[in-house]
Protein backbone atom coordinates (compact mmCIF):
# COMPACT_ATOMS: atom_id res chain seq x y z
CA MET A 1 0.06 0.17 0.17
CA GLU A 2 2.76 2.31 0.80
CA GLU A 3 4.45 1.74 -2.58
CA LEU A 4 0.99 3.01 -4.16
CA LEU A 5 1.20 6.01 -2.18
CA LYS A 6 4.36 6.41 -3.40
CA VAL A 7 3.78 6.29 -6.91
CA ALA A 8 0.46 8.07 -6.48
CA ALA A 9 2.27 11.16 -5.07
CA ALA A 10 5.25 11.10 -7.77
CA ASN A 11 2.58 10.84 -10.59
CA GLY A 12 0.62 14.30 -8.44
CA VAL A 13 -1.48 12.37 -7.26
CA THR A 14 -2.28 13.80 -3.86
CA GLY A 15 -5.32 13.47 -1.33
CA SER A 16 -8.65 11.52 -1.42
CA ILE A 17 -11.87 11.73 -3.23
CA GLY A 18 -13.60 14.85 -1.54
CA ASP A 19 -10.72 16.67 0.11
CA ALA A 20 -9.98 19.97 -0.03
CA PRO A 21 -7.87 21.12 -2.92
CA ALA A 22 -4.14 20.76 -2.85
CA GLU A 23 -2.14 23.93 -1.24
CA GLY A 24 -1.58 26.40 -3.64
CA GLU A 25 -5.17 24.94 -5.50
CA ASP A 26 -7.63 27.61 -6.52
CA ALA A 27 -11.19 26.23 -4.71
CA GLU A 28 -14.03 27.26 -6.28
CA PRO A 29 -15.67 29.51 -4.38
CA ALA A 30 -19.51 28.58 -2.93
CA PRO A 31 -22.27 30.66 -4.69
CA LEU A 32 -23.95 33.31 -2.94
CA PRO A 33 -27.07 33.06 -1.64
CA PRO A 34 -29.69 34.48 -4.48
CA LEU A 35 -30.16 37.72 -2.46
CA HIS A 36 -27.02 38.32 -1.41
CA GLN A 37 -25.69 37.43 -5.50
CA ALA A 38 -29.11 40.19 -6.21
CA ALA A 39 -27.12 42.40 -3.73
CA VAL A 40 -23.51 42.50 -5.25
CA ASP A 41 -24.54 42.95 -8.78
CA ALA A 42 -26.85 45.94 -7.91
CA ILE A 43 -23.71 47.25 -6.07
CA GLU A 44 -21.60 46.40 -9.25
CA ALA A 45 -24.63 48.26 -11.38
CA GLY A 46 -24.22 51.20 -9.15
CA ASP A 47 -27.86 50.75 -7.88
CA TYR A 48 -27.37 50.85 -3.81
CA ALA A 49 -31.28 51.39 -3.60
CA GLY A 50 -31.53 47.85 -5.20
CA ALA A 51 -28.76 46.18 -2.79
CA ILE A 52 -30.58 47.90 0.41
CA ALA A 53 -33.34 46.09 -0.81
CA ALA A 54 -32.09 42.29 -1.25
CA TYR A 55 -30.12 42.71 1.69
CA LYS A 56 -33.01 43.55 3.62
CA GLN A 57 -35.55 40.84 2.12
CA ALA A 58 -33.02 38.73 2.92
CA LEU A 59 -32.94 39.72 6.89
CA LEU A 60 -36.55 39.54 6.59
CA GLU A 61 -35.86 36.29 5.40
CA GLN A 62 -33.25 35.27 8.05
CA PRO A 63 -33.14 37.60 10.57
CA ALA A 64 -29.92 35.97 11.87
CA ASP A 65 -27.53 36.05 8.83
CA ALA A 66 -24.75 37.71 9.82
CA ASP A 67 -23.43 38.17 6.54
CA ALA A 68 -26.76 40.34 4.96
CA LYS A 69 -26.71 42.78 8.29
CA ALA A 70 -22.44 43.03 7.11
CA GLY A 71 -23.32 44.01 3.71
CA LEU A 72 -26.57 46.29 4.38
CA ALA A 73 -24.71 47.78 6.46
CA GLN A 74 -22.04 48.49 4.08
CA VAL A 75 -24.03 48.96 1.24
CA GLU A 76 -26.28 51.82 3.09
CA LEU A 77 -23.03 53.69 3.86
CA MET A 78 -21.68 53.21 0.39
CA ALA A 79 -25.41 55.08 -0.34
CA ARG A 80 -24.50 57.91 2.03
CA LEU A 81 -21.36 58.62 0.84
CA ASP A 82 -22.04 58.06 -3.14
CA LYS A 83 -23.38 62.14 -3.88
CA LEU A 84 -20.64 63.59 -1.62
CA SER A 85 -17.90 65.32 -3.30
CA ALA A 86 -14.62 66.11 -2.27
CA ALA A 87 -15.65 69.80 -1.55
CA GLU A 88 -18.56 69.08 0.18
CA ALA A 89 -16.84 66.31 2.79
CA GLU A 90 -14.20 68.86 3.45
CA SER A 91 -16.94 71.78 4.33
CA LEU A 92 -18.84 69.11 6.05
CA ARG A 93 -15.54 68.36 7.91
CA ASP A 94 -15.19 72.20 9.01
CA LEU A 95 -18.58 72.22 9.85
CA ALA A 96 -18.28 69.08 12.25
CA ALA A 97 -15.29 70.24 14.06
CA LYS A 98 -17.16 74.01 14.48
CA GLU A 99 -20.27 72.31 15.71
CA PRO A 100 -19.50 69.58 17.67
CA ASP A 101 -23.12 69.37 18.28
CA ASN A 102 -24.22 68.80 14.78
CA VAL A 103 -25.16 65.51 14.79
CA GLN A 104 -25.40 65.23 10.79
CA ALA A 105 -22.14 66.61 10.58
CA GLN A 106 -20.52 64.70 13.27
CA LEU A 107 -22.46 61.07 11.47
CA THR A 108 -20.95 62.38 7.88
CA VAL A 109 -17.61 62.56 9.17
CA ALA A 110 -17.65 59.54 10.94
CA ASP A 111 -18.99 58.05 7.46
CA LEU A 112 -16.18 59.41 5.93
CA ASP A 113 -13.64 58.83 8.61
CA VAL A 114 -14.42 54.76 8.55
CA SER A 115 -14.35 54.75 4.23
CA GLY A 116 -10.82 56.15 4.80
CA GLY A 117 -10.31 53.57 7.32
CA HIS A 118 -10.15 56.23 10.40
CA ILE A 119 -11.75 53.97 12.06
CA ASP A 120 -11.06 54.78 15.55
CA ASP A 121 -11.57 58.61 14.70
CA ALA A 122 -14.49 57.67 13.70
CA PHE A 123 -15.99 55.37 16.36
CA LYS A 124 -14.33 58.22 18.71
CA ARG A 125 -16.08 60.83 17.50
CA ILE A 126 -19.56 59.27 17.68
CA ILE A 127 -18.97 58.50 21.48
CA THR A 128 -17.59 61.84 22.52
CA PHE A 129 -20.88 63.32 20.60
CA ILE A 130 -23.62 60.79 22.45
CA GLY A 131 -21.89 61.60 25.68
CA ARG A 132 -22.60 65.36 24.98
CA ASN A 133 -25.97 64.96 23.94
CA PHE A 134 -28.98 63.63 25.55
CA GLY A 135 -31.40 64.75 23.08
CA PRO A 136 -32.81 62.45 20.21
CA GLU A 137 -29.80 62.70 18.27
CA ARG A 138 -28.54 60.83 21.16
CA GLU A 139 -30.23 57.73 19.59
CA THR A 140 -29.63 58.74 15.90
CA ALA A 141 -25.83 58.47 16.83
CA ARG A 142 -25.55 55.24 18.81
CA VAL A 143 -28.11 53.35 16.35
CA ARG A 144 -25.09 54.86 13.53
CA LEU A 145 -22.14 53.70 15.59
CA LEU A 146 -24.08 50.22 15.87
CA GLU A 147 -24.23 50.58 12.02
CA LEU A 148 -20.81 51.05 11.93
CA PHE A 149 -19.86 48.22 14.00
CA GLU A 150 -21.70 46.00 11.21
CA VAL A 151 -19.43 47.87 8.45
CA VAL A 152 -16.26 47.53 10.62
CA GLY A 153 -16.93 43.49 11.42
CA THR A 154 -18.19 42.69 15.17
CA GLN A 155 -15.48 41.03 15.87
CA ASP A 156 -12.88 43.57 15.06
CA GLU A 157 -10.86 44.63 17.95
CA ARG A 158 -11.32 48.20 17.42
CA VAL A 159 -15.08 47.35 17.59
CA ALA A 160 -15.17 45.95 21.24
CA LYS A 161 -12.70 48.61 22.48
CA ALA A 162 -15.65 50.99 21.28
CA ARG A 163 -18.30 48.99 22.58
CA GLN A 164 -16.64 49.87 26.28
CA GLY A 165 -16.38 53.87 25.42
CA LEU A 166 -20.17 53.57 24.09
CA ALA A 167 -21.11 51.52 27.72
CA ARG A 168 -19.44 54.26 29.50
CA VAL A 169 -20.85 57.22 28.41
CA LEU A 170 -24.50 55.59 28.31
CA PHE A 171 -24.51 54.42 31.50
């Protein structure tokens, strides 16, 4: 038997039926669920509303679908920033600096920060806002922060740290 395995290995035959592909071989990715694929197709076509609708339908059908929840948060971020020009973004950054209690300016700049990879800055901005405000804007900011946690990934260590900061300002 060992001799047969040596000959097989010498001829490039390794593993057994049903094994995962050998190292270096490409495995075919598993197909996406239909609604996820519809969302991806819509994103590629620039149809963020269509992608949002597909992910929302996926969540209606399977509320615990973590991939749909994350996908929805990501495409909602893309939709919020899609029409924003560089000049408008800079103007909003200036406004957020001048008006720290302007919820829309703070949330839009946090979106810009996340999209630019400045995750900690985005989280800190919203947590600081929540700590200073007690009106309905506080809930708006809290909800956006939770959405951004989904965008970044709930297992990310920066999210865990931000959750602690959020708990401190809420309680």
